Amino acid sequence: MKLTYDPEYNIAYISFREKIEQVETIQISEELNIDISPDGTVYGIELLNARDQLGAMVIIDRESGESETIKLAV
């Protein structure tokens, strides 16, 4: 999984896998799109107005218990 963030447009994209086949983008709301293949595989989630939706992200390593907080750029 990879999370990318574009501060200029305030858009975040969570990618679950490389797009190796044609995907359809389904608009869930004005701020949420999902890329999905015909067989139902989710390839990614796009968050518009990401700073408001995500704020700060906390990444937790369940094995070690260590965590890291990342704030999105303003």
PDB file of N, CA and C in Angstrom:
ATOM      1  N   MET A   1       0.845  -1.166   0.000  1.00  0.00           N
ATOM      2  CA  MET A   1       0.000   0.000   0.000  1.00  0.00           C
ATOM      3  C   MET A   1       0.892   1.231   0.000  1.00  0.00           C
ATOM      4  N   LYS A   2       0.483   2.239  -0.767  1.00  0.00           N
ATOM      5  CA  LYS A   2       1.255   3.473  -0.856  1.00  0.00           C
ATOM      6  C   LYS A   2       0.286   4.642  -0.772  1.00  0.00           C
ATOM      7  N   LEU A   3       0.631   5.635   0.041  1.00  0.00           N
ATOM      8  CA  LEU A   3      -0.164   6.848   0.149  1.00  0.00           C
ATOM      9  C   LEU A   3       0.637   7.994  -0.442  1.00  0.00           C
ATOM     10  N   THR A   4       0.043   8.697  -1.393  1.00  0.00           N
ATOM     11  CA  THR A   4       0.683   9.886  -1.947  1.00  0.00           C
ATOM     12  C   THR A   4      -0.218  11.083  -1.661  1.00  0.00           C
ATOM     13  N   TYR A   5       0.414  12.252  -1.529  1.00  0.00           N
ATOM     14  CA  TYR A   5      -0.341  13.472  -1.234  1.00  0.00           C
ATOM     15  C   TYR A   5       0.201  14.607  -2.081  1.00  0.00           C
ATOM     16  N   ASP A   6      -0.696  15.341  -2.721  1.00  0.00           N
ATOM     17  CA  ASP A   6      -0.340  16.500  -3.534  1.00  0.00           C
ATOM     18  C   ASP A   6      -0.844  17.739  -2.802  1.00  0.00           C
ATOM     19  N   PRO A   7       0.061  18.488  -2.124  1.00  0.00           N
ATOM     20  CA  PRO A   7      -0.383  19.646  -1.359  1.00  0.00           C
ATOM     21  C   PRO A   7      -0.923  20.788  -2.222  1.00  0.00           C
ATOM     22  N   GLU A   8      -0.473  20.866  -3.479  1.00  0.00           N
ATOM     23  CA  GLU A   8      -0.964  21.934  -4.355  1.00  0.00           C
ATOM     24  C   GLU A   8      -2.466  21.788  -4.605  1.00  0.00           C
ATOM     25  N   TYR A   9      -2.908  20.553  -4.827  1.00  0.00           N
ATOM     26  CA  TYR A   9      -4.324  20.300  -5.103  1.00  0.00           C
ATOM     27  C   TYR A   9      -5.065  19.711  -3.908  1.00  0.00           C
ATOM     28  N   ASN A  10      -4.339  19.429  -2.821  1.00  0.00           N
ATOM     29  CA  ASN A  10      -4.923  18.877  -1.596  1.00  0.00           C
ATOM     30  C   ASN A  10      -5.653  17.557  -1.865  1.00  0.00           C
ATOM     31  N   ILE A  11      -4.961  16.674  -2.595  1.00  0.00           N
ATOM     32  CA  ILE A  11      -5.517  15.365  -2.952  1.00  0.00           C
ATOM     33  C   ILE A  11      -4.588  14.269  -2.450  1.00  0.00           C
ATOM     34  N   ALA A  12      -5.170  13.263  -1.815  1.00  0.00           N
ATOM     35  CA  ALA A  12      -4.408  12.093  -1.377  1.00  0.00           C
ATOM     36  C   ALA A  12      -4.896  10.882  -2.164  1.00  0.00           C
ATOM     37  N   TYR A  13      -3.973   9.955  -2.444  1.00  0.00           N
ATOM     38  CA  TYR A  13      -4.340   8.728  -3.147  1.00  0.00           C
ATOM     39  C   TYR A  13      -3.734   7.549  -2.404  1.00  0.00           C
ATOM     40  N   ILE A  14      -4.581   6.630  -2.029  1.00  0.00           N
ATOM     41  CA  ILE A  14      -4.132   5.399  -1.372  1.00  0.00           C
ATOM     42  C   ILE A  14      -4.163   4.316  -2.442  1.00  0.00           C
ATOM     43  N   SER A  15      -2.980   3.818  -2.784  1.00  0.00           N
ATOM     44  CA  SER A  15      -2.856   2.808  -3.826  1.00  0.00           C
ATOM     45  C   SER A  15      -2.633   1.445  -3.179  1.00  0.00           C
ATOM     46  N   PHE A  16      -3.464   0.485  -3.531  1.00  0.00           N
ATOM     47  CA  PHE A  16      -3.347  -0.864  -2.987  1.00  0.00           C
ATOM     48  C   PHE A  16      -2.536  -1.786  -3.884  1.00  0.00           C
ATOM     49  N   ARG A  17      -2.496  -1.475  -5.188  1.00  0.00           N
ATOM     50  CA  ARG A  17      -1.726  -2.285  -6.147  1.00  0.00           C
ATOM     51  C   ARG A  17      -1.536  -1.475  -7.417  1.00  0.00           C
ATOM     52  N   GLU A  18      -0.561  -1.885  -8.215  1.00  0.00           N
ATOM     53  CA  GLU A  18      -0.320  -1.232  -9.501  1.00  0.00           C
ATOM     54  C   GLU A  18      -1.518  -1.460 -10.413  1.00  0.00           C
ATOM     55  N   LYS A  19      -1.871  -0.461 -11.188  1.00  0.00           N
ATOM     56  CA  LYS A  19      -2.979  -0.606 -12.136  1.00  0.00           C
ATOM     57  C   LYS A  19      -2.485  -1.379 -13.347  1.00  0.00           C
ATOM     58  N   ILE A  20      -2.807  -2.668 -13.379  1.00  0.00           N
ATOM     59  CA  ILE A  20      -2.361  -3.509 -14.498  1.00  0.00           C
ATOM     60  C   ILE A  20      -3.494  -3.805 -15.463  1.00  0.00           C
ATOM     61  N   GLU A  21      -4.688  -3.395 -15.109  1.00  0.00           N
ATOM     62  CA  GLU A  21      -5.815  -3.580 -16.001  1.00  0.00           C
ATOM     63  C   GLU A  21      -6.684  -2.334 -15.962  1.00  0.00           C
ATOM     64  N   GLN A  22      -7.646  -2.289 -16.853  1.00  0.00           N
ATOM     65  CA  GLN A  22      -8.547  -1.147 -16.921  1.00  0.00           C
ATOM     66  C   GLN A  22      -9.361  -1.051 -15.632  1.00  0.00           C
ATOM     67  N   VAL A  23      -9.419   0.141 -15.058  1.00  0.00           N
ATOM     68  CA  VAL A  23     -10.215   0.339 -13.858  1.00  0.00           C
ATOM     69  C   VAL A  23     -11.286   1.384 -14.121  1.00  0.00           C
ATOM     70  N   GLU A  24     -12.333   1.316 -13.353  1.00  0.00           N
ATOM     71  CA  GLU A  24     -13.407   2.295 -13.412  1.00  0.00           C
ATOM     72  C   GLU A  24     -13.326   3.123 -12.139  1.00  0.00           C
ATOM     73  N   THR A  25     -13.457   4.431 -12.266  1.00  0.00           N
ATOM     74  CA  THR A  25     -13.480   5.300 -11.097  1.00  0.00           C
ATOM     75  C   THR A  25     -14.931   5.536 -10.712  1.00  0.00           C
ATOM     76  N   ILE A  26     -15.256   5.159  -9.493  1.00  0.00           N
ATOM     77  CA  ILE A  26     -16.613   5.331  -8.983  1.00  0.00           C
ATOM     78  C   ILE A  26     -16.598   6.482  -7.985  1.00  0.00           C
ATOM     79  N   GLN A  27     -17.447   7.484  -8.221  1.00  0.00           N
ATOM     80  CA  GLN A  27     -17.537   8.611  -7.312  1.00  0.00           C
ATOM     81  C   GLN A  27     -18.506   8.249  -6.188  1.00  0.00           C
ATOM     82  N   ILE A  28     -17.978   8.170  -4.970  1.00  0.00           N
ATOM     83  CA  ILE A  28     -18.780   7.828  -3.799  1.00  0.00           C
ATOM     84  C   ILE A  28     -19.430   9.083  -3.229  1.00  0.00           C
ATOM     85  N   SER A  29     -18.652  10.182  -3.203  1.00  0.00           N
ATOM     86  CA  SER A  29     -19.159  11.475  -2.741  1.00  0.00           C
ATOM     87  C   SER A  29     -18.351  12.551  -3.456  1.00  0.00           C
ATOM     88  N   GLU A  30     -18.594  13.808  -3.134  1.00  0.00           N
ATOM     89  CA  GLU A  30     -17.842  14.892  -3.761  1.00  0.00           C
ATOM     90  C   GLU A  30     -16.368  14.858  -3.385  1.00  0.00           C
ATOM     91  N   GLU A  31     -16.018  14.144  -2.324  1.00  0.00           N
ATOM     92  CA  GLU A  31     -14.639  14.106  -1.848  1.00  0.00           C
ATOM     93  C   GLU A  31     -14.011  12.722  -1.843  1.00  0.00           C
ATOM     94  N   LEU A  32     -14.676  11.712  -2.428  1.00  0.00           N
ATOM     95  CA  LEU A  32     -14.173  10.342  -2.375  1.00  0.00           C
ATOM     96  C   LEU A  32     -14.447   9.605  -3.675  1.00  0.00           C
ATOM     97  N   ASN A  33     -13.367   9.092  -4.302  1.00  0.00           N
ATOM     98  CA  ASN A  33     -13.458   8.268  -5.506  1.00  0.00           C
ATOM     99  C   ASN A  33     -12.736   6.954  -5.254  1.00  0.00           C
ATOM    100  N   ILE A  34     -13.251   5.877  -5.853  1.00  0.00           N
ATOM    101  CA  ILE A  34     -12.614   4.570  -5.732  1.00  0.00           C
ATOM    102  C   ILE A  34     -12.347   4.022  -7.123  1.00  0.00           C
ATOM    103  N   ASP A  35     -11.103   3.542  -7.354  1.00  0.00           N
ATOM    104  CA  ASP A  35     -10.744   2.891  -8.608  1.00  0.00           C
ATOM    105  C   ASP A  35     -10.913   1.387  -8.420  1.00  0.00           C
ATOM    106  N   ILE A  36     -11.748   0.784  -9.264  1.00  0.00           N
ATOM    107  CA  ILE A  36     -12.088  -0.632  -9.121  1.00  0.00           C
ATOM    108  C   ILE A  36     -12.079  -1.302 -10.495  1.00  0.00           C
ATOM    109  N   SER A  37     -11.645  -2.557 -10.546  1.00  0.00           N
ATOM    110  CA  SER A  37     -11.622  -3.294 -11.812  1.00  0.00           C
ATOM    111  C   SER A  37     -12.956  -4.011 -12.010  1.00  0.00           C
ATOM    112  N   PRO A  38     -13.203  -4.520 -13.218  1.00  0.00           N
ATOM    113  CA  PRO A  38     -14.457  -5.227 -13.486  1.00  0.00           C
ATOM    114  C   PRO A  38     -14.696  -6.434 -12.567  1.00  0.00           C
ATOM    115  N   ASP A  39     -13.613  -7.066 -12.062  1.00  0.00           N
ATOM    116  CA  ASP A  39     -13.809  -8.227 -11.179  1.00  0.00           C
ATOM    117  C   ASP A  39     -14.004  -7.830  -9.714  1.00  0.00           C
ATOM    118  N   GLY A  40     -14.052  -6.508  -9.442  1.00  0.00           N
ATOM    119  CA  GLY A  40     -14.302  -6.046  -8.081  1.00  0.00           C
ATOM    120  C   GLY A  40     -13.056  -5.743  -7.261  1.00  0.00           C
ATOM    121  N   THR A  41     -11.872  -5.878  -7.867  1.00  0.00           N
ATOM    122  CA  THR A  41     -10.633  -5.590  -7.152  1.00  0.00           C
ATOM    123  C   THR A  41     -10.471  -4.079  -6.992  1.00  0.00           C
ATOM    124  N   VAL A  42     -10.256  -3.611  -5.766  1.00  0.00           N
ATOM    125  CA  VAL A  42     -10.041  -2.195  -5.506  1.00  0.00           C
ATOM    126  C   VAL A  42      -8.560  -1.883  -5.707  1.00  0.00           C
ATOM    127  N   TYR A  43      -8.290  -0.910  -6.570  1.00  0.00           N
ATOM    128  CA  TYR A  43      -6.916  -0.523  -6.862  1.00  0.00           C
ATOM    129  C   TYR A  43      -6.486   0.713  -6.076  1.00  0.00           C
ATOM    130  N   GLY A  44      -7.420   1.589  -5.775  1.00  0.00           N
ATOM    131  CA  GLY A  44      -7.035   2.777  -5.035  1.00  0.00           C
ATOM    132  C   GLY A  44      -8.229   3.607  -4.602  1.00  0.00           C
ATOM    133  N   ILE A  45      -7.940   4.507  -3.669  1.00  0.00           N
ATOM    134  CA  ILE A  45      -8.941   5.422  -3.138  1.00  0.00           C
ATOM    135  C   ILE A  45      -8.373   6.829  -3.232  1.00  0.00           C
ATOM    136  N   GLU A  46      -9.134   7.731  -3.838  1.00  0.00           N
ATOM    137  CA  GLU A  46      -8.720   9.120  -3.977  1.00  0.00           C
ATOM    138  C   GLU A  46      -9.537   9.979  -3.015  1.00  0.00           C
ATOM    139  N   LEU A  47      -8.835  10.774  -2.219  1.00  0.00           N
ATOM    140  CA  LEU A  47      -9.481  11.675  -1.265  1.00  0.00           C
ATOM    141  C   LEU A  47      -9.263  13.112  -1.702  1.00  0.00           C
ATOM    142  N   LEU A  48     -10.333  13.776  -2.080  1.00  0.00           N
ATOM    143  CA  LEU A  48     -10.260  15.192  -2.407  1.00  0.00           C
ATOM    144  C   LEU A  48     -10.461  15.963  -1.103  1.00  0.00           C
ATOM    145  N   ASN A  49      -9.884  17.150  -1.002  1.00  0.00           N
ATOM    146  CA  ASN A  49      -9.913  17.896   0.254  1.00  0.00           C
ATOM    147  C   ASN A  49      -9.298  17.049   1.369  1.00  0.00           C
ATOM    148  N   ALA A  50      -8.177  16.438   1.039  1.00  0.00           N
ATOM    149  CA  ALA A  50      -7.555  15.428   1.904  1.00  0.00           C
ATOM    150  C   ALA A  50      -7.135  15.956   3.264  1.00  0.00           C
ATOM    151  N   ARG A  51      -6.646  17.182   3.321  1.00  0.00           N
ATOM    152  CA  ARG A  51      -6.167  17.722   4.595  1.00  0.00           C
ATOM    153  C   ARG A  51      -7.283  17.700   5.638  1.00  0.00           C
ATOM    154  N   ASP A  52      -8.495  18.070   5.237  1.00  0.00           N
ATOM    155  CA  ASP A  52      -9.623  18.052   6.173  1.00  0.00           C
ATOM    156  C   ASP A  52     -10.058  16.629   6.508  1.00  0.00           C
ATOM    157  N   GLN A  53      -9.957  15.721   5.543  1.00  0.00           N
ATOM    158  CA  GLN A  53     -10.389  14.344   5.779  1.00  0.00           C
ATOM    159  C   GLN A  53      -9.392  13.544   6.617  1.00  0.00           C
ATOM    160  N   LEU A  54      -8.096  13.790   6.380  1.00  0.00           N
ATOM    161  CA  LEU A  54      -7.084  12.982   7.056  1.00  0.00           C
ATOM    162  C   LEU A  54      -6.459  13.673   8.264  1.00  0.00           C
ATOM    163  N   GLY A  55      -6.321  14.993   8.204  1.00  0.00           N
ATOM    164  CA  GLY A  55      -5.650  15.695   9.299  1.00  0.00           C
ATOM    165  C   GLY A  55      -4.255  15.136   9.481  1.00  0.00           C
ATOM    166  N   ALA A  56      -4.012  14.544  10.623  1.00  0.00           N
ATOM    167  CA  ALA A  56      -2.738  13.864  10.869  1.00  0.00           C
ATOM    168  C   ALA A  56      -2.973  12.365  10.780  1.00  0.00           C
ATOM    169  N   MET A  57      -2.010  11.665  10.201  1.00  0.00           N
ATOM    170  CA  MET A  57      -2.117  10.210  10.100  1.00  0.00           C
ATOM    171  C   MET A  57      -1.187   9.578  11.118  1.00  0.00           C
ATOM    172  N   VAL A  58      -1.653   8.529  11.738  1.00  0.00           N
ATOM    173  CA  VAL A  58      -0.819   7.784  12.673  1.00  0.00           C
ATOM    174  C   VAL A  58      -0.572   6.408  12.067  1.00  0.00           C
ATOM    175  N   ILE A  59       0.700   6.085  11.883  1.00  0.00           N
ATOM    176  CA  ILE A  59       1.080   4.782  11.344  1.00  0.00           C
ATOM    177  C   ILE A  59       1.590   3.948  12.507  1.00  0.00           C
ATOM    178  N   ILE A  60       0.983   2.779  12.701  1.00  0.00           N
ATOM    179  CA  ILE A  60       1.325   1.918  13.839  1.00  0.00           C
ATOM    180  C   ILE A  60       1.849   0.582  13.336  1.00  0.00           C
ATOM    181  N   ASP A  61       3.003   0.193  13.830  1.00  0.00           N
ATOM    182  CA  ASP A  61       3.552  -1.124  13.557  1.00  0.00           C
ATOM    183  C   ASP A  61       3.016  -2.047  14.649  1.00  0.00           C
ATOM    184  N   ARG A  62       2.066  -2.902  14.300  1.00  0.00           N
ATOM    185  CA  ARG A  62       1.429  -3.755  15.306  1.00  0.00           C
ATOM    186  C   ARG A  62       2.398  -4.714  15.981  1.00  0.00           C
ATOM    187  N   GLU A  63       3.418  -5.119  15.258  1.00  0.00           N
ATOM    188  CA  GLU A  63       4.378  -6.060  15.817  1.00  0.00           C
ATOM    189  C   GLU A  63       5.227  -5.415  16.913  1.00  0.00           C
ATOM    190  N   SER A  64       5.741  -4.233  16.629  1.00  0.00           N
ATOM    191  CA  SER A  64       6.624  -3.577  17.609  1.00  0.00           C
ATOM    192  C   SER A  64       5.872  -2.617  18.534  1.00  0.00           C
ATOM    193  N   GLY A  65       4.684  -2.191  18.103  1.00  0.00           N
ATOM    194  CA  GLY A  65       3.932  -1.218  18.893  1.00  0.00           C
ATOM    195  C   GLY A  65       4.372   0.213  18.648  1.00  0.00           C
ATOM    196  N   GLU A  66       5.397   0.412  17.823  1.00  0.00           N
ATOM    197  CA  GLU A  66       5.885   1.751  17.543  1.00  0.00           C
ATOM    198  C   GLU A  66       4.901   2.478  16.606  1.00  0.00           C
ATOM    199  N   SER A  67       4.825   3.791  16.798  1.00  0.00           N
ATOM    200  CA  SER A  67       3.946   4.581  15.943  1.00  0.00           C
ATOM    201  C   SER A  67       4.631   5.862  15.502  1.00  0.00           C
ATOM    202  N   GLU A  68       4.132   6.410  14.416  1.00  0.00           N
ATOM    203  CA  GLU A  68       4.660   7.655  13.875  1.00  0.00           C
ATOM    204  C   GLU A  68       3.489   8.492  13.419  1.00  0.00           C
ATOM    205  N   THR A  69       3.468   9.781  13.765  1.00  0.00           N
ATOM    206  CA  THR A  69       2.410  10.688  13.344  1.00  0.00           C
ATOM    207  C   THR A  69       2.945  11.566  12.223  1.00  0.00           C
ATOM    208  N   ILE A  70       2.159  11.644  11.148  1.00  0.00           N
ATOM    209  CA  ILE A  70       2.535  12.448   9.994  1.00  0.00           C
ATOM    210  C   ILE A  70       1.406  13.453   9.735  1.00  0.00           C
ATOM    211  N   LYS A  71       1.755  14.730   9.713  1.00  0.00           N
ATOM    212  CA  LYS A  71       0.777  15.773   9.388  1.00  0.00           C
ATOM    213  C   LYS A  71       0.930  16.135   7.917  1.00  0.00           C
ATOM    214  N   LEU A  72      -0.204  16.339   7.251  1.00  0.00           N
ATOM    215  CA  LEU A  72      -0.146  16.734   5.861  1.00  0.00           C
ATOM    216  C   LEU A  72       0.302  18.178   5.744  1.00  0.00           C
ATOM    217  N   ALA A  73       1.067  18.476   4.704  1.00  0.00           N
ATOM    218  CA  ALA A  73       1.592  19.828   4.496  1.00  0.00           C
ATOM    219  C   ALA A  73       0.444  20.798   4.256  1.00  0.00           C
ATOM    220  N   VAL A  74       0.621  22.006   4.705  1.00  0.00           N
ATOM    221  CA  VAL A  74      -0.396  23.046   4.513  1.00  0.00           C
ATOM    222  C   VAL A  74      -0.042  23.865   3.305  1.00  0.00           C
TER     223      VAL A  74
END
